[in-house]
Amino acid sequence: MIGIFSLFTKSFKSKKEALRQNIIYVFCPVDSADRIGAIIDDYSFDIVINDYDLTDLTNKVICHYRSAHLTKEQRAFLVRATESGAWVEPLVSYLDDRLKYTEVRLLHSSYFLHQKAFSILSNQRTQVTKRALDVISSILLLIVTLPLSLTAAILIKIESPGPILYKQKRTGQYNEEFKVYKFRSMRNDAEKNGAQWASKNDARITKVGKFIRKTRIDEIPQLINVLQGTMSIVGPRPEREVFIKDLEQEIPYYRFRHAVKPGVTGLAQVSYPYGASVEDAVWKHKYDIYYIKHHSSMLDIKILLLTVKTVLFGMGR
């Protein structure tokens, strides 16, 4: 029993030590080396790529990328590194743990082909628990926020003509479109010239709209979507199909976010500031993919607490 505990402790310490290393060794096909180097150059740690002359493998962090495309001898080197006490792990998985977001520029199909690693997709108990929490939480939140909702409705009606609620088609789970509900925060003619990104200081946003967007009060009606089952409390934010078609041309595996229900709030919303550009969408996708891969009830609770902080202190968009 003591031996098992010691083994677990050693493994746990090794993982923590691996995430603290200032140098990692990456082994990949030659045609991927420049791409990896350019991406990881932005990080706070150094990398050494394809150093097969490395002899002291003990306590080294060794990451592999597209290992199926390495030669038999190169794969044997990685096995030997594991035998010699190195921490060996796929590069994207290592970066997930270290950065707390997924480096989508390095994604390839194999990342998604181990469904057991995505408990939110493969574990029926996880799905039932998440749905139960969604229903209970949305009912409680609708009751608690009723005074805010009534106040917002009155102010919206007083400030500008048009409906109080704004309905818009968004793409949800399995790429199925649904109507999302929000308190109207823009002028009624906001899209008379067609669909367009909302910018930070958008002139179409009303005075009341600016406040309810900043505090996320405009999102409260989406709790109705949660009760309908088209959304979850926590998940990737739903986007419009007209924008998705453009974004999937620029962002690898962008539609994978639709493997789960979209959320009223999400990891991207509490981790990344407001933005309305392709670059911002890339960053949000990094957090969305990380959320899907590493989902847990504790992560949902953490996101909810950070969302409450955003609402209370007006730290939203």
Protein backbone atom coordinates (compact mmCIF):
# COMPACT_ATOMS: atom_id res chain seq x y z
CA MET A 1 0.00 0.00 0.00
CA ILE A 2 2.83 2.39 0.89
CA GLY A 3 4.56 1.49 -2.37
CA ILE A 4 1.46 2.39 -4.39
CA PHE A 5 1.13 5.71 -2.54
CA SER A 6 4.81 6.49 -3.17
CA LEU A 7 4.40 5.69 -6.86
CA PHE A 8 1.37 8.01 -7.11
CA THR A 9 3.20 10.80 -5.28
CA LYS A 10 6.22 10.42 -7.54
CA SER A 11 4.00 10.58 -10.64
CA PHE A 12 2.18 13.66 -9.33
CA LYS A 13 5.43 15.45 -8.54
CA SER A 14 6.80 14.56 -11.98
CA LYS A 15 3.83 16.23 -13.63
CA LYS A 16 4.24 19.39 -11.57
CA GLU A 17 7.95 19.45 -12.30
CA ALA A 18 7.29 18.96 -16.00
CA LEU A 19 5.08 22.03 -16.08
CA ARG A 20 7.79 24.12 -14.41
CA GLN A 21 10.57 23.27 -16.85
CA ASN A 22 12.11 26.18 -18.76
CA ILE A 23 13.26 23.96 -21.62
CA ILE A 24 11.21 21.35 -23.45
CA TYR A 25 12.43 19.04 -26.19
CA VAL A 26 10.10 18.62 -29.14
CA PHE A 27 10.35 15.84 -31.71
CA CYS A 28 8.38 16.16 -34.91
CA PRO A 29 8.57 15.62 -38.68
CA VAL A 30 11.07 17.98 -40.33
CA ASP A 31 8.35 19.81 -42.26
CA SER A 32 6.64 20.78 -38.95
CA ALA A 33 9.72 22.16 -37.20
CA ASP A 34 9.58 25.76 -38.48
CA ARG A 35 5.87 26.02 -37.80
CA ILE A 36 6.23 24.80 -34.22
CA GLY A 37 9.19 27.07 -33.62
CA ALA A 38 7.30 30.14 -34.80
CA ILE A 39 4.29 29.37 -32.59
CA ILE A 40 6.14 28.47 -29.40
CA ASP A 41 8.48 31.43 -29.82
CA ASP A 42 5.73 33.48 -28.13
CA TYR A 43 5.95 31.47 -24.90
CA SER A 44 7.99 32.03 -21.77
CA PHE A 45 9.92 28.76 -22.06
CA ASP A 46 12.51 27.59 -24.58
CA ILE A 47 12.29 24.66 -26.96
CA VAL A 48 14.83 22.45 -28.64
CA ILE A 49 13.54 20.70 -31.74
CA ASN A 50 14.62 17.24 -32.98
CA ASP A 51 17.77 16.85 -30.87
CA TYR A 52 18.25 13.11 -31.34
CA ASP A 53 21.78 13.42 -29.96
CA LEU A 54 20.36 14.05 -26.49
CA THR A 55 21.82 11.41 -24.19
CA ASP A 56 20.86 12.51 -20.66
CA LEU A 57 17.10 11.91 -20.76
CA THR A 58 16.42 11.81 -17.01
CA ASN A 59 13.90 14.44 -15.84
CA LYS A 60 13.68 15.97 -19.31
CA VAL A 61 10.34 17.08 -20.76
CA ILE A 62 9.99 15.51 -24.18
CA CYS A 63 7.00 16.31 -26.38
CA HIS A 64 6.12 14.73 -29.69
CA TYR A 65 4.04 16.12 -32.53
CA ARG A 66 2.57 14.02 -35.37
CA SER A 67 4.58 11.07 -34.07
CA ALA A 68 2.93 8.71 -36.56
CA HIS A 69 4.93 10.47 -39.27
CA LEU A 70 8.28 9.88 -37.54
CA THR A 71 10.58 7.06 -38.63
CA LYS A 72 10.73 3.76 -36.76
CA GLU A 73 14.09 4.78 -35.26
CA GLN A 74 12.75 8.17 -34.15
CA ARG A 75 9.75 6.57 -32.43
CA ALA A 76 12.12 4.13 -30.75
CA PHE A 77 14.01 7.14 -29.37
CA LEU A 78 10.80 8.40 -27.72
CA VAL A 79 10.16 4.98 -26.18
CA ARG A 80 13.73 4.92 -24.87
CA ALA A 81 13.22 8.40 -23.40
CA THR A 82 10.20 7.12 -21.48
CA GLU A 83 12.20 4.16 -20.20
CA SER A 84 15.00 6.52 -19.10
CA GLY A 85 12.86 8.68 -16.85
CA ALA A 86 11.85 11.54 -19.17
CA TRP A 87 8.37 13.04 -19.07
CA VAL A 88 7.02 12.16 -22.54
CA GLU A 89 3.73 13.57 -23.78
CA PRO A 90 2.05 14.81 -26.98
CA LEU A 91 2.95 18.47 -27.51
CA VAL A 92 -0.59 19.83 -27.61
CA SER A 93 -1.59 17.94 -24.45
CA TYR A 94 1.47 19.29 -22.62
CA LEU A 95 0.66 22.84 -23.71
CA ASP A 96 -2.97 22.34 -22.58
CA ASP A 97 -1.82 21.67 -19.03
CA ARG A 98 0.81 24.38 -19.02
CA LEU A 99 -1.11 27.20 -20.72
CA LYS A 100 -4.68 26.32 -19.66
CA TYR A 101 -5.88 26.77 -23.20
CA THR A 102 -5.48 24.70 -26.37
CA GLU A 103 -2.98 25.84 -28.98
CA VAL A 104 -5.38 25.48 -31.92
CA ARG A 105 -2.67 26.34 -34.45
CA LEU A 106 -1.09 22.96 -33.69
CA LEU A 107 -4.27 20.88 -33.72
CA HIS A 108 -4.54 17.86 -35.98
CA SER A 109 -7.16 15.14 -36.26
CA SER A 110 -5.61 12.72 -33.72
CA TYR A 111 -6.32 15.21 -30.90
CA PHE A 112 -10.05 14.55 -31.37
CA LEU A 113 -9.92 10.80 -32.02
CA HIS A 114 -9.79 9.62 -28.39
CA GLN A 115 -13.38 10.23 -27.31
CA LYS A 116 -12.82 8.88 -23.79
CA ALA A 117 -10.59 11.90 -23.22
CA PHE A 118 -13.66 14.10 -23.78
CA SER A 119 -15.79 13.09 -20.79
CA ILE A 120 -18.42 15.70 -21.65
CA LEU A 121 -19.01 13.81 -24.91
CA SER A 122 -18.57 10.18 -23.88
CA ASN A 123 -19.78 9.94 -20.27
CA GLN A 124 -23.56 9.66 -19.99
CA ARG A 125 -23.47 10.40 -16.26
CA THR A 126 -21.60 13.64 -16.91
CA GLN A 127 -24.22 14.70 -19.45
CA VAL A 128 -27.15 13.90 -17.13
CA THR A 129 -25.49 15.74 -14.21
CA LYS A 130 -24.78 18.78 -16.38
CA ARG A 131 -28.38 18.89 -17.63
CA ALA A 132 -29.78 18.60 -14.10
CA LEU A 133 -27.54 21.45 -12.91
CA ASP A 134 -28.58 23.51 -15.93
CA VAL A 135 -32.28 23.19 -15.14
CA ILE A 136 -31.93 23.84 -11.40
CA SER A 137 -29.51 26.74 -11.87
CA SER A 138 -31.54 28.45 -14.59
CA ILE A 139 -34.75 28.34 -12.54
CA LEU A 140 -32.99 29.76 -9.49
CA LEU A 141 -31.22 32.44 -11.54
CA LEU A 142 -34.46 33.49 -13.27
CA ILE A 143 -36.07 33.99 -9.84
CA VAL A 144 -33.07 35.81 -8.31
CA THR A 145 -32.59 38.11 -11.32
CA LEU A 146 -36.29 38.93 -11.77
CA PRO A 147 -35.92 42.48 -10.34
CA LEU A 148 -32.99 43.15 -12.69
CA SER A 149 -34.94 41.77 -15.63
CA LEU A 150 -38.00 43.92 -14.92
CA THR A 151 -35.86 47.05 -14.48
CA ALA A 152 -33.95 46.35 -17.71
CA ALA A 153 -37.19 45.74 -19.62
CA ILE A 154 -38.68 49.05 -18.48
CA LEU A 155 -35.53 51.07 -19.28
CA ILE A 156 -35.17 49.47 -22.72
CA LYS A 157 -38.77 50.34 -23.57
CA ILE A 158 -38.38 53.92 -22.35
CA GLU A 159 -35.11 54.64 -24.19
CA SER A 160 -35.83 53.42 -27.70
CA PRO A 161 -38.69 52.02 -29.79
CA GLY A 162 -38.74 48.32 -30.56
CA PRO A 163 -39.13 44.99 -28.78
CA ILE A 164 -37.64 44.39 -25.32
CA LEU A 165 -36.32 40.97 -26.25
CA TYR A 166 -34.04 40.39 -29.20
CA LYS A 167 -34.29 37.05 -31.03
CA GLN A 168 -31.53 35.92 -33.34
CA LYS A 169 -30.62 32.66 -35.04
CA ARG A 170 -27.46 31.07 -33.69
CA THR A 171 -25.77 27.74 -34.38
CA GLY A 172 -25.92 25.26 -31.54
CA GLN A 173 -25.04 21.66 -30.77
CA TYR A 174 -24.55 19.43 -33.84
CA ASN A 175 -24.70 22.58 -36.05
CA GLU A 176 -28.45 22.93 -35.53
CA GLU A 177 -29.75 26.51 -35.57
CA PHE A 178 -31.97 27.88 -32.81
CA LYS A 179 -33.29 31.27 -31.71
CA VAL A 180 -31.33 32.83 -28.87
CA TYR A 181 -33.05 35.33 -26.55
CA LYS A 182 -31.38 38.49 -25.24
CA PHE A 183 -32.45 41.85 -23.90
CA ARG A 184 -32.18 44.26 -26.82
CA SER A 185 -29.05 46.39 -26.39
CA MET A 186 -28.95 48.04 -29.82
CA ARG A 187 -31.18 50.29 -31.86
CA ASN A 188 -34.01 48.47 -33.58
CA ASP A 189 -32.44 49.18 -37.01
CA ALA A 190 -28.97 47.97 -35.98
CA GLU A 191 -28.65 45.54 -38.88
CA LYS A 192 -30.47 47.36 -41.64
CA ASN A 193 -27.28 47.06 -43.72
CA GLY A 194 -26.80 43.37 -42.98
CA ALA A 195 -25.01 41.26 -40.35
CA GLN A 196 -21.84 42.70 -38.88
CA TRP A 197 -19.53 42.20 -35.90
CA ALA A 198 -20.37 44.23 -32.79
CA SER A 199 -17.41 46.42 -31.84
CA LYS A 200 -16.42 47.64 -28.38
CA ASN A 201 -17.64 51.22 -28.88
CA ASP A 202 -20.37 50.36 -31.37
CA ALA A 203 -22.53 53.42 -32.15
CA ARG A 204 -25.56 51.15 -32.56
CA ILE A 205 -25.54 50.29 -28.86
CA THR A 206 -27.98 52.31 -26.74
CA LYS A 207 -27.09 53.84 -23.36
CA VAL A 208 -29.07 51.19 -21.52
CA GLY A 209 -27.61 48.59 -23.87
CA LYS A 210 -24.08 49.62 -22.99
CA PHE A 211 -24.77 49.05 -19.29
CA ILE A 212 -26.59 45.73 -19.63
CA ARG A 213 -23.89 44.41 -21.98
CA LYS A 214 -21.13 45.44 -19.57
CA THR A 215 -22.85 43.73 -16.65
CA ARG A 216 -24.10 40.79 -18.78
CA ILE A 217 -27.70 41.54 -17.79
CA ASP A 218 -28.57 41.27 -21.50
CA GLU A 219 -27.79 37.55 -21.30
CA ILE A 220 -30.42 36.75 -18.64
CA PRO A 221 -33.17 35.77 -21.14
CA GLN A 222 -30.87 33.01 -22.42
CA LEU A 223 -31.83 31.12 -19.28
CA ILE A 224 -35.05 30.41 -21.19
CA ASN A 225 -32.90 28.76 -23.87
CA VAL A 226 -31.30 26.65 -21.13
CA LEU A 227 -34.71 25.44 -19.96
CA GLN A 228 -35.63 24.67 -23.57
CA GLY A 229 -32.50 22.54 -23.84
CA THR A 230 -30.89 24.46 -26.71
CA MET A 231 -28.21 25.95 -24.43
CA SER A 232 -26.31 25.11 -21.26
CA ILE A 233 -25.34 27.45 -18.42
CA VAL A 234 -21.65 26.95 -19.28
CA GLY A 235 -20.23 26.26 -22.73
CA PRO A 236 -18.87 27.96 -25.86
CA ARG A 237 -20.83 31.07 -26.79
CA PRO A 238 -23.17 30.48 -29.76
CA GLU A 239 -22.23 32.27 -32.97
CA ARG A 240 -24.16 33.17 -36.11
CA GLU A 241 -23.84 30.88 -39.11
CA VAL A 242 -22.93 33.79 -41.40
CA PHE A 243 -19.81 34.41 -39.29
CA ILE A 244 -19.05 30.73 -38.69
CA LYS A 245 -18.67 30.08 -42.41
CA ASP A 246 -15.93 32.72 -42.53
CA LEU A 247 -14.28 31.72 -39.26
CA GLU A 248 -13.97 28.04 -40.14
CA GLN A 249 -11.88 29.05 -43.15
CA GLU A 250 -9.38 30.73 -40.81
CA ILE A 251 -9.54 28.66 -37.62
CA PRO A 252 -8.72 24.92 -37.52
CA TYR A 253 -11.60 22.69 -36.39
CA TYR A 254 -13.80 25.68 -35.56
CA ARG A 255 -17.02 23.70 -35.80
CA PHE A 256 -15.86 21.22 -33.15
CA ARG A 257 -17.22 23.70 -30.60
CA HIS A 258 -20.66 22.51 -31.73
CA ALA A 259 -20.02 19.07 -30.25
CA VAL A 260 -21.53 20.48 -27.04
CA LYS A 261 -24.38 22.83 -26.23
CA PRO A 262 -23.48 26.52 -26.34
CA GLY A 263 -23.43 28.33 -23.00
CA VAL A 264 -24.78 31.49 -21.44
CA THR A 265 -21.26 31.97 -20.15
CA GLY A 266 -18.02 30.15 -20.85
CA LEU A 267 -14.31 29.82 -20.22
CA ALA A 268 -13.51 32.14 -23.14
CA GLN A 269 -15.78 34.86 -21.75
CA VAL A 270 -14.13 34.90 -18.32
CA SER A 271 -10.58 34.41 -19.63
CA TYR A 272 -10.35 36.73 -22.62
CA PRO A 273 -11.43 40.39 -22.98
CA TYR A 274 -14.10 41.51 -25.40
CA GLY A 275 -13.10 41.35 -29.06
CA ALA A 276 -14.74 41.29 -32.47
CA SER A 277 -12.10 40.15 -34.94
CA VAL A 278 -10.80 36.90 -36.38
CA GLU A 279 -7.79 37.08 -34.04
CA ASP A 280 -10.13 37.42 -31.06
CA ALA A 281 -12.19 34.49 -32.34
CA VAL A 282 -8.99 32.40 -32.51
CA TRP A 283 -8.22 33.16 -28.87
CA LYS A 284 -11.75 32.34 -27.76
CA HIS A 285 -11.59 29.09 -29.72
CA LYS A 286 -8.44 28.15 -27.77
CA TYR A 287 -10.42 28.35 -24.53
CA ASP A 288 -13.51 26.67 -25.99
CA ILE A 289 -11.57 23.61 -27.18
CA TYR A 290 -9.76 23.43 -23.84
CA TYR A 291 -13.13 23.53 -22.03
CA ILE A 292 -14.59 20.70 -24.11
CA LYS A 293 -11.50 18.52 -23.61
CA HIS A 294 -11.05 19.20 -19.90
CA HIS A 295 -14.64 19.71 -18.76
CA SER A 296 -15.49 18.98 -15.14
CA SER A 297 -18.14 20.10 -12.69
CA MET A 298 -15.45 21.98 -10.77
CA LEU A 299 -14.45 23.88 -13.92
CA ASP A 300 -18.12 24.80 -14.49
CA ILE A 301 -18.35 26.12 -10.91
CA LYS A 302 -15.14 28.13 -11.35
CA ILE A 303 -16.50 29.72 -14.55
CA LEU A 304 -19.80 30.55 -12.85
CA LEU A 305 -18.00 32.23 -9.93
CA LEU A 306 -15.87 34.27 -12.34
CA THR A 307 -19.04 35.23 -14.22
CA VAL A 308 -20.67 36.44 -11.00
CA LYS A 309 -17.55 38.54 -10.37
CA THR A 310 -17.91 40.01 -13.85
CA VAL A 311 -21.56 40.91 -13.26
CA LEU A 312 -20.99 42.40 -9.81
CA PHE A 313 -17.98 44.49 -10.81
CA GLY A 314 -18.97 45.34 -14.37
CA MET A 315 -15.95 43.68 -15.94
CA GLY A 316 -17.79 42.49 -19.05
CA ARG A 317 -17.63 43.70 -22.62
